[in-house]
Amino acid sequence: MVTRWAAIIFGAVALIHAVRQRSDAFPAVGRLTKPVWIGIIAVALVLFFIMGALSFLGIIGVVAVGIYMADVRPKVDEIQGR
């Protein structure tokens, strides 16, 4: 139960961050486009609600959101001067 809510919050923070960024920032840092990242994170968030974070697909979702938060987010923020 706790892991499900932690994953939901983690995914929601990532989704809010991705939505608020400029579209041109993602390709500028050599990553997938903004709509693709929003789609990946949104699907992960739905999986967290339905299956939880510890199911097979939930773990894949946690990894995807983790990649966004650890790799893409800092680079997008850096290129935008944040």
PDB file of N, CA and C in Angstrom:
ATOM      1  N   MET A   1       0.822  -1.190   0.000  1.00  0.00           N
ATOM      2  CA  MET A   1       0.000   0.000   0.000  1.00  0.00           C
ATOM      3  C   MET A   1       0.870   1.259   0.000  1.00  0.00           C
ATOM      4  N   VAL A   2       1.876   1.272   0.843  1.00  0.00           N
ATOM      5  CA  VAL A   2       2.761   2.440   0.910  1.00  0.00           C
ATOM      6  C   VAL A   2       3.553   2.587  -0.382  1.00  0.00           C
ATOM      7  N   THR A   3       4.016   1.468  -0.925  1.00  0.00           N
ATOM      8  CA  THR A   3       4.791   1.549  -2.169  1.00  0.00           C
ATOM      9  C   THR A   3       3.922   2.026  -3.329  1.00  0.00           C
ATOM     10  N   ARG A   4       2.652   1.638  -3.325  1.00  0.00           N
ATOM     11  CA  ARG A   4       1.740   2.095  -4.380  1.00  0.00           C
ATOM     12  C   ARG A   4       1.610   3.616  -4.329  1.00  0.00           C
ATOM     13  N   TRP A   5       1.360   4.160  -3.147  1.00  0.00           N
ATOM     14  CA  TRP A   5       1.186   5.617  -3.037  1.00  0.00           C
ATOM     15  C   TRP A   5       2.491   6.361  -3.288  1.00  0.00           C
ATOM     16  N   ALA A   6       3.608   5.787  -2.874  1.00  0.00           N
ATOM     17  CA  ALA A   6       4.901   6.422  -3.158  1.00  0.00           C
ATOM     18  C   ALA A   6       5.145   6.474  -4.665  1.00  0.00           C
ATOM     19  N   ALA A   7       4.825   5.391  -5.360  1.00  0.00           N
ATOM     20  CA  ALA A   7       4.999   5.360  -6.816  1.00  0.00           C
ATOM     21  C   ALA A   7       4.051   6.334  -7.502  1.00  0.00           C
ATOM     22  N   ILE A   8       2.821   6.436  -7.007  1.00  0.00           N
ATOM     23  CA  ILE A   8       1.858   7.372  -7.588  1.00  0.00           C
ATOM     24  C   ILE A   8       2.346   8.803  -7.425  1.00  0.00           C
ATOM     25  N   ILE A   9       2.843   9.145  -6.252  1.00  0.00           N
ATOM     26  CA  ILE A   9       3.366  10.498  -6.026  1.00  0.00           C
ATOM     27  C   ILE A   9       4.590  10.744  -6.898  1.00  0.00           C
ATOM     28  N   PHE A  10       5.493   9.771  -6.967  1.00  0.00           N
ATOM     29  CA  PHE A  10       6.695   9.857  -7.804  1.00  0.00           C
ATOM     30  C   PHE A  10       6.319  10.091  -9.265  1.00  0.00           C
ATOM     31  N   GLY A  11       5.348   9.328  -9.752  1.00  0.00           N
ATOM     32  CA  GLY A  11       4.889   9.477 -11.130  1.00  0.00           C
ATOM     33  C   GLY A  11       4.193  10.804 -11.370  1.00  0.00           C
ATOM     34  N   ALA A  12       3.395  11.253 -10.405  1.00  0.00           N
ATOM     35  CA  ALA A  12       2.682  12.525 -10.558  1.00  0.00           C
ATOM     36  C   ALA A  12       3.653  13.696 -10.620  1.00  0.00           C
ATOM     37  N   VAL A  13       4.674  13.671  -9.785  1.00  0.00           N
ATOM     38  CA  VAL A  13       5.685  14.736  -9.810  1.00  0.00           C
ATOM     39  C   VAL A  13       6.397  14.748 -11.161  1.00  0.00           C
ATOM     40  N   ALA A  14       6.752  13.578 -11.660  1.00  0.00           N
ATOM     41  CA  ALA A  14       7.416  13.490 -12.963  1.00  0.00           C
ATOM     42  C   ALA A  14       6.504  13.978 -14.082  1.00  0.00           C
ATOM     43  N   LEU A  15       5.231  13.600 -14.038  1.00  0.00           N
ATOM     44  CA  LEU A  15       4.285  14.011 -15.076  1.00  0.00           C
ATOM     45  C   LEU A  15       4.072  15.522 -15.061  1.00  0.00           C
ATOM     46  N   ILE A  16       3.921  16.097 -13.886  1.00  0.00           N
ATOM     47  CA  ILE A  16       3.755  17.554 -13.776  1.00  0.00           C
ATOM     48  C   ILE A  16       4.988  18.261 -14.317  1.00  0.00           C
ATOM     49  N   HIS A  17       6.162  17.760 -13.981  1.00  0.00           N
ATOM     50  CA  HIS A  17       7.395  18.370 -14.476  1.00  0.00           C
ATOM     51  C   HIS A  17       7.456  18.294 -15.997  1.00  0.00           C
ATOM     52  N   ALA A  18       7.165  17.135 -16.556  1.00  0.00           N
ATOM     53  CA  ALA A  18       7.243  16.958 -18.014  1.00  0.00           C
ATOM     54  C   ALA A  18       6.257  17.862 -18.741  1.00  0.00           C
ATOM     55  N   VAL A  19       5.062  17.988 -18.211  1.00  0.00           N
ATOM     56  CA  VAL A  19       4.038  18.820 -18.851  1.00  0.00           C
ATOM     57  C   VAL A  19       4.442  20.291 -18.852  1.00  0.00           C
ATOM     58  N   ARG A  20       5.124  20.743 -17.826  1.00  0.00           N
ATOM     59  CA  ARG A  20       5.460  22.161 -17.689  1.00  0.00           C
ATOM     60  C   ARG A  20       6.682  22.599 -18.498  1.00  0.00           C
ATOM     61  N   GLN A  21       7.392  21.660 -19.106  1.00  0.00           N
ATOM     62  CA  GLN A  21       8.612  22.003 -19.838  1.00  0.00           C
ATOM     63  C   GLN A  21       8.315  22.354 -21.291  1.00  0.00           C
ATOM     64  N   ARG A  22       9.240  23.107 -21.894  1.00  0.00           N
ATOM     65  CA  ARG A  22       9.110  23.448 -23.319  1.00  0.00           C
ATOM     66  C   ARG A  22       9.361  22.200 -24.164  1.00  0.00           C
ATOM     67  N   SER A  23       8.648  22.112 -25.269  1.00  0.00           N
ATOM     68  CA  SER A  23       8.768  20.937 -26.146  1.00  0.00           C
ATOM     69  C   SER A  23      10.138  20.818 -26.796  1.00  0.00           C
ATOM     70  N   ASP A  24      10.768  21.944 -27.094  1.00  0.00           N
ATOM     71  CA  ASP A  24      12.065  21.897 -27.780  1.00  0.00           C
ATOM     72  C   ASP A  24      13.217  21.529 -26.857  1.00  0.00           C
ATOM     73  N   ALA A  25      12.995  21.519 -25.555  1.00  0.00           N
ATOM     74  CA  ALA A  25      14.070  21.204 -24.612  1.00  0.00           C
ATOM     75  C   ALA A  25      14.437  19.720 -24.647  1.00  0.00           C
ATOM     76  N   PHE A  26      13.483  18.865 -24.909  1.00  0.00           N
ATOM     77  CA  PHE A  26      13.740  17.420 -24.875  1.00  0.00           C
ATOM     78  C   PHE A  26      14.665  16.970 -26.005  1.00  0.00           C
ATOM     79  N   PRO A  27      14.365  17.308 -27.269  1.00  0.00           N
ATOM     80  CA  PRO A  27      15.301  16.924 -28.335  1.00  0.00           C
ATOM     81  C   PRO A  27      16.648  17.640 -28.219  1.00  0.00           C
ATOM     82  N   ALA A  28      16.644  18.823 -27.614  1.00  0.00           N
ATOM     83  CA  ALA A  28      17.895  19.577 -27.471  1.00  0.00           C
ATOM     84  C   ALA A  28      18.891  18.860 -26.570  1.00  0.00           C
ATOM     85  N   VAL A  29      18.401  18.059 -25.636  1.00  0.00           N
ATOM     86  CA  VAL A  29      19.309  17.308 -24.768  1.00  0.00           C
ATOM     87  C   VAL A  29      19.519  15.878 -25.271  1.00  0.00           C
ATOM     88  N   GLY A  30      19.002  15.584 -26.460  1.00  0.00           N
ATOM     89  CA  GLY A  30      19.229  14.276 -27.069  1.00  0.00           C
ATOM     90  C   GLY A  30      18.379  13.162 -26.488  1.00  0.00           C
ATOM     91  N   ARG A  31      17.197  13.493 -26.017  1.00  0.00           N
ATOM     92  CA  ARG A  31      16.299  12.487 -25.450  1.00  0.00           C
ATOM     93  C   ARG A  31      15.024  12.395 -26.276  1.00  0.00           C
ATOM     94  N   LEU A  32      14.131  11.517 -25.893  1.00  0.00           N
ATOM     95  CA  LEU A  32      12.844  11.372 -26.573  1.00  0.00           C
ATOM     96  C   LEU A  32      12.071  12.686 -26.513  1.00  0.00           C
ATOM     97  N   THR A  33      11.059  12.815 -27.353  1.00  0.00           N
ATOM     98  CA  THR A  33      10.282  14.057 -27.391  1.00  0.00           C
ATOM     99  C   THR A  33       9.369  14.166 -26.169  1.00  0.00           C
ATOM    100  N   LYS A  34       8.876  15.370 -25.951  1.00  0.00           N
ATOM    101  CA  LYS A  34       8.000  15.635 -24.814  1.00  0.00           C
ATOM    102  C   LYS A  34       6.749  14.754 -24.825  1.00  0.00           C
ATOM    103  N   PRO A  35       6.017  14.644 -25.956  1.00  0.00           N
ATOM    104  CA  PRO A  35       4.820  13.788 -25.934  1.00  0.00           C
ATOM    105  C   PRO A  35       5.117  12.322 -25.607  1.00  0.00           C
ATOM    106  N   VAL A  36       6.256  11.838 -26.045  1.00  0.00           N
ATOM    107  CA  VAL A  36       6.615  10.446 -25.750  1.00  0.00           C
ATOM    108  C   VAL A  36       6.845  10.270 -24.254  1.00  0.00           C
ATOM    109  N   TRP A  37       7.587  11.193 -23.641  1.00  0.00           N
ATOM    110  CA  TRP A  37       7.831  11.102 -22.200  1.00  0.00           C
ATOM    111  C   TRP A  37       6.540  11.240 -21.409  1.00  0.00           C
ATOM    112  N   ILE A  38       5.671  12.157 -21.826  1.00  0.00           N
ATOM    113  CA  ILE A  38       4.392  12.308 -21.129  1.00  0.00           C
ATOM    114  C   ILE A  38       3.589  11.015 -21.242  1.00  0.00           C
ATOM    115  N   GLY A  39       3.596  10.395 -22.410  1.00  0.00           N
ATOM    116  CA  GLY A  39       2.894   9.129 -22.594  1.00  0.00           C
ATOM    117  C   GLY A  39       3.455   8.016 -21.729  1.00  0.00           C
ATOM    118  N   ILE A  40       4.772   7.902 -21.688  1.00  0.00           N
ATOM    119  CA  ILE A  40       5.414   6.863 -20.876  1.00  0.00           C
ATOM    120  C   ILE A  40       5.067   7.049 -19.406  1.00  0.00           C
ATOM    121  N   ILE A  41       5.190   8.270 -18.929  1.00  0.00           N
ATOM    122  CA  ILE A  41       4.922   8.540 -17.513  1.00  0.00           C
ATOM    123  C   ILE A  41       3.441   8.355 -17.195  1.00  0.00           C
ATOM    124  N   ALA A  42       2.556   8.774 -18.098  1.00  0.00           N
ATOM    125  CA  ALA A  42       1.113   8.621 -17.872  1.00  0.00           C
ATOM    126  C   ALA A  42       0.723   7.146 -17.814  1.00  0.00           C
ATOM    127  N   VAL A  43       1.269   6.337 -18.708  1.00  0.00           N
ATOM    128  CA  VAL A  43       0.986   4.895 -18.682  1.00  0.00           C
ATOM    129  C   VAL A  43       1.503   4.287 -17.380  1.00  0.00           C
ATOM    130  N   ALA A  44       2.691   4.688 -16.960  1.00  0.00           N
ATOM    131  CA  ALA A  44       3.240   4.192 -15.695  1.00  0.00           C
ATOM    132  C   ALA A  44       2.330   4.574 -14.528  1.00  0.00           C
ATOM    133  N   LEU A  45       1.835   5.794 -14.538  1.00  0.00           N
ATOM    134  CA  LEU A  45       0.956   6.258 -13.468  1.00  0.00           C
ATOM    135  C   LEU A  45      -0.341   5.448 -13.426  1.00  0.00           C
ATOM    136  N   VAL A  46      -0.901   5.151 -14.580  1.00  0.00           N
ATOM    137  CA  VAL A  46      -2.110   4.313 -14.643  1.00  0.00           C
ATOM    138  C   VAL A  46      -1.806   2.909 -14.109  1.00  0.00           C
ATOM    139  N   LEU A  47      -0.658   2.373 -14.476  1.00  0.00           N
ATOM    140  CA  LEU A  47      -0.271   1.052 -13.967  1.00  0.00           C
ATOM    141  C   LEU A  47      -0.118   1.060 -12.452  1.00  0.00           C
ATOM    142  N   PHE A  48       0.411   2.144 -11.899  1.00  0.00           N
ATOM    143  CA  PHE A  48       0.548   2.238 -10.445  1.00  0.00           C
ATOM    144  C   PHE A  48      -0.822   2.192  -9.777  1.00  0.00           C
ATOM    145  N   PHE A  49      -1.805   2.890 -10.357  1.00  0.00           N
ATOM    146  CA  PHE A  49      -3.156   2.879  -9.800  1.00  0.00           C
ATOM    147  C   PHE A  49      -3.791   1.490  -9.894  1.00  0.00           C
ATOM    148  N   ILE A  50      -3.629   0.842 -11.038  1.00  0.00           N
ATOM    149  CA  ILE A  50      -4.316  -0.429 -11.280  1.00  0.00           C
ATOM    150  C   ILE A  50      -3.617  -1.609 -10.608  1.00  0.00           C
ATOM    151  N   MET A  51      -2.302  -1.711 -10.797  1.00  0.00           N
ATOM    152  CA  MET A  51      -1.581  -2.911 -10.376  1.00  0.00           C
ATOM    153  C   MET A  51      -0.664  -2.702  -9.174  1.00  0.00           C
ATOM    154  N   GLY A  52      -0.362  -1.477  -8.853  1.00  0.00           N
ATOM    155  CA  GLY A  52       0.599  -1.224  -7.793  1.00  0.00           C
ATOM    156  C   GLY A  52       2.008  -1.144  -8.349  1.00  0.00           C
ATOM    157  N   ALA A  53       2.924  -0.756  -7.492  1.00  0.00           N
ATOM    158  CA  ALA A  53       4.302  -0.543  -7.926  1.00  0.00           C
ATOM    159  C   ALA A  53       5.133  -1.818  -7.907  1.00  0.00           C
ATOM    160  N   LEU A  54       4.657  -2.840  -7.237  1.00  0.00           N
ATOM    161  CA  LEU A  54       5.462  -4.050  -7.103  1.00  0.00           C
ATOM    162  C   LEU A  54       5.060  -5.171  -8.054  1.00  0.00           C
ATOM    163  N   SER A  55       4.126  -4.899  -8.948  1.00  0.00           N
ATOM    164  CA  SER A  55       3.808  -5.876  -9.991  1.00  0.00           C
ATOM    165  C   SER A  55       4.890  -5.793 -11.069  1.00  0.00           C
ATOM    166  N   PHE A  56       4.894  -6.752 -11.974  1.00  0.00           N
ATOM    167  CA  PHE A  56       5.903  -6.751 -13.039  1.00  0.00           C
ATOM    168  C   PHE A  56       5.852  -5.458 -13.850  1.00  0.00           C
ATOM    169  N   LEU A  57       4.655  -5.087 -14.317  1.00  0.00           N
ATOM    170  CA  LEU A  57       4.522  -3.856 -15.104  1.00  0.00           C
ATOM    171  C   LEU A  57       4.730  -2.614 -14.244  1.00  0.00           C
ATOM    172  N   GLY A  58       4.375  -2.704 -12.972  1.00  0.00           N
ATOM    173  CA  GLY A  58       4.609  -1.587 -12.064  1.00  0.00           C
ATOM    174  C   GLY A  58       6.093  -1.298 -11.896  1.00  0.00           C
ATOM    175  N   ILE A  59       6.882  -2.344 -11.802  1.00  0.00           N
ATOM    176  CA  ILE A  59       8.333  -2.169 -11.672  1.00  0.00           C
ATOM    177  C   ILE A  59       8.905  -1.540 -12.942  1.00  0.00           C
ATOM    178  N   ILE A  60       8.408  -1.962 -14.101  1.00  0.00           N
ATOM    179  CA  ILE A  60       8.841  -1.338 -15.355  1.00  0.00           C
ATOM    180  C   ILE A  60       8.482   0.146 -15.344  1.00  0.00           C
ATOM    181  N   GLY A  61       7.302   0.472 -14.831  1.00  0.00           N
ATOM    182  CA  GLY A  61       6.889   1.871 -14.717  1.00  0.00           C
ATOM    183  C   GLY A  61       7.779   2.664 -13.780  1.00  0.00           C
ATOM    184  N   VAL A  62       8.134   2.069 -12.651  1.00  0.00           N
ATOM    185  CA  VAL A  62       9.025   2.744 -11.699  1.00  0.00           C
ATOM    186  C   VAL A  62      10.375   3.014 -12.349  1.00  0.00           C
ATOM    187  N   VAL A  63      10.882   2.050 -13.101  1.00  0.00           N
ATOM    188  CA  VAL A  63      12.162   2.237 -13.796  1.00  0.00           C
ATOM    189  C   VAL A  63      12.051   3.363 -14.820  1.00  0.00           C
ATOM    190  N   ALA A  64      10.960   3.390 -15.583  1.00  0.00           N
ATOM    191  CA  ALA A  64      10.780   4.434 -16.598  1.00  0.00           C
ATOM    192  C   ALA A  64      10.707   5.819 -15.963  1.00  0.00           C
ATOM    193  N   VAL A  65       9.926   5.943 -14.895  1.00  0.00           N
ATOM    194  CA  VAL A  65       9.820   7.236 -14.208  1.00  0.00           C
ATOM    195  C   VAL A  65      11.162   7.593 -13.570  1.00  0.00           C
ATOM    196  N   GLY A  66      11.859   6.604 -13.046  1.00  0.00           N
ATOM    197  CA  GLY A  66      13.181   6.846 -12.464  1.00  0.00           C
ATOM    198  C   GLY A  66      14.180   7.344 -13.491  1.00  0.00           C
ATOM    199  N   ILE A  67      14.135   6.794 -14.689  1.00  0.00           N
ATOM    200  CA  ILE A  67      15.018   7.270 -15.760  1.00  0.00           C
ATOM    201  C   ILE A  67      14.707   8.719 -16.086  1.00  0.00           C
ATOM    202  N   TYR A  68      13.411   9.043 -16.162  1.00  0.00           N
ATOM    203  CA  TYR A  68      13.045  10.436 -16.438  1.00  0.00           C
ATOM    204  C   TYR A  68      13.574  11.355 -15.338  1.00  0.00           C
ATOM    205  N   MET A  69      13.332  10.983 -14.082  1.00  0.00           N
ATOM    206  CA  MET A  69      13.703  11.858 -12.963  1.00  0.00           C
ATOM    207  C   MET A  69      15.219  11.969 -12.784  1.00  0.00           C
ATOM    208  N   ALA A  70      15.951  10.892 -13.030  1.00  0.00           N
ATOM    209  CA  ALA A  70      17.391  10.899 -12.787  1.00  0.00           C
ATOM    210  C   ALA A  70      18.209  11.365 -13.980  1.00  0.00           C
ATOM    211  N   ASP A  71      17.708  11.167 -15.193  1.00  0.00           N
ATOM    212  CA  ASP A  71      18.498  11.472 -16.381  1.00  0.00           C
ATOM    213  C   ASP A  71      17.931  12.637 -17.184  1.00  0.00           C
ATOM    214  N   VAL A  72      16.661  12.563 -17.525  1.00  0.00           N
ATOM    215  CA  VAL A  72      16.075  13.559 -18.423  1.00  0.00           C
ATOM    216  C   VAL A  72      15.791  14.868 -17.701  1.00  0.00           C
ATOM    217  N   ARG A  73      15.169  14.790 -16.535  1.00  0.00           N
ATOM    218  CA  ARG A  73      14.777  16.003 -15.806  1.00  0.00           C
ATOM    219  C   ARG A  73      15.954  16.950 -15.544  1.00  0.00           C
ATOM    220  N   PRO A  74      17.079  16.472 -14.999  1.00  0.00           N
ATOM    221  CA  PRO A  74      18.188  17.407 -14.754  1.00  0.00           C
ATOM    222  C   PRO A  74      18.718  18.055 -16.032  1.00  0.00           C
ATOM    223  N   LYS A  75      18.771  17.304 -17.120  1.00  0.00           N
ATOM    224  CA  LYS A  75      19.288  17.860 -18.372  1.00  0.00           C
ATOM    225  C   LYS A  75      18.327  18.874 -18.970  1.00  0.00           C
ATOM    226  N   VAL A  76      17.026  18.600 -18.884  1.00  0.00           N
ATOM    227  CA  VAL A  76      16.031  19.549 -19.388  1.00  0.00           C
ATOM    228  C   VAL A  76      16.069  20.827 -18.551  1.00  0.00           C
ATOM    229  N   ASP A  77      16.181  20.683 -17.237  1.00  0.00           N
ATOM    230  CA  ASP A  77      16.277  21.865 -16.370  1.00  0.00           C
ATOM    231  C   ASP A  77      17.545  22.660 -16.667  1.00  0.00           C
ATOM    232  N   GLU A  78      18.650  21.958 -16.895  1.00  0.00           N
ATOM    233  CA  GLU A  78      19.923  22.626 -17.169  1.00  0.00           C
ATOM    234  C   GLU A  78      19.866  23.422 -18.467  1.00  0.00           C
ATOM    235  N   ILE A  79      19.304  22.846 -19.499  1.00  0.00           N
ATOM    236  CA  ILE A  79      19.267  23.531 -20.789  1.00  0.00           C
ATOM    237  C   ILE A  79      18.337  24.742 -20.754  1.00  0.00           C
ATOM    238  N   GLN A  80      17.377  24.723 -19.833  1.00  0.00           N
ATOM    239  CA  GLN A  80      16.466  25.855 -19.695  1.00  0.00           C
ATOM    240  C   GLN A  80      16.958  26.864 -18.655  1.00  0.00           C
ATOM    241  N   GLY A  81      18.116  26.609 -18.078  1.00  0.00           N
ATOM    242  CA  GLY A  81      18.713  27.548 -17.136  1.00  0.00           C
ATOM    243  C   GLY A  81      18.095  27.519 -15.756  1.00  0.00           C
ATOM    244  N   ARG A  82      17.647  26.365 -15.322  1.00  0.00           N
ATOM    245  CA  ARG A  82      17.042  26.267 -13.977  1.00  0.00           C
ATOM    246  C   ARG A  82      17.963  25.591 -13.017  1.00  0.00           C
TER     247      ARG A  82
END
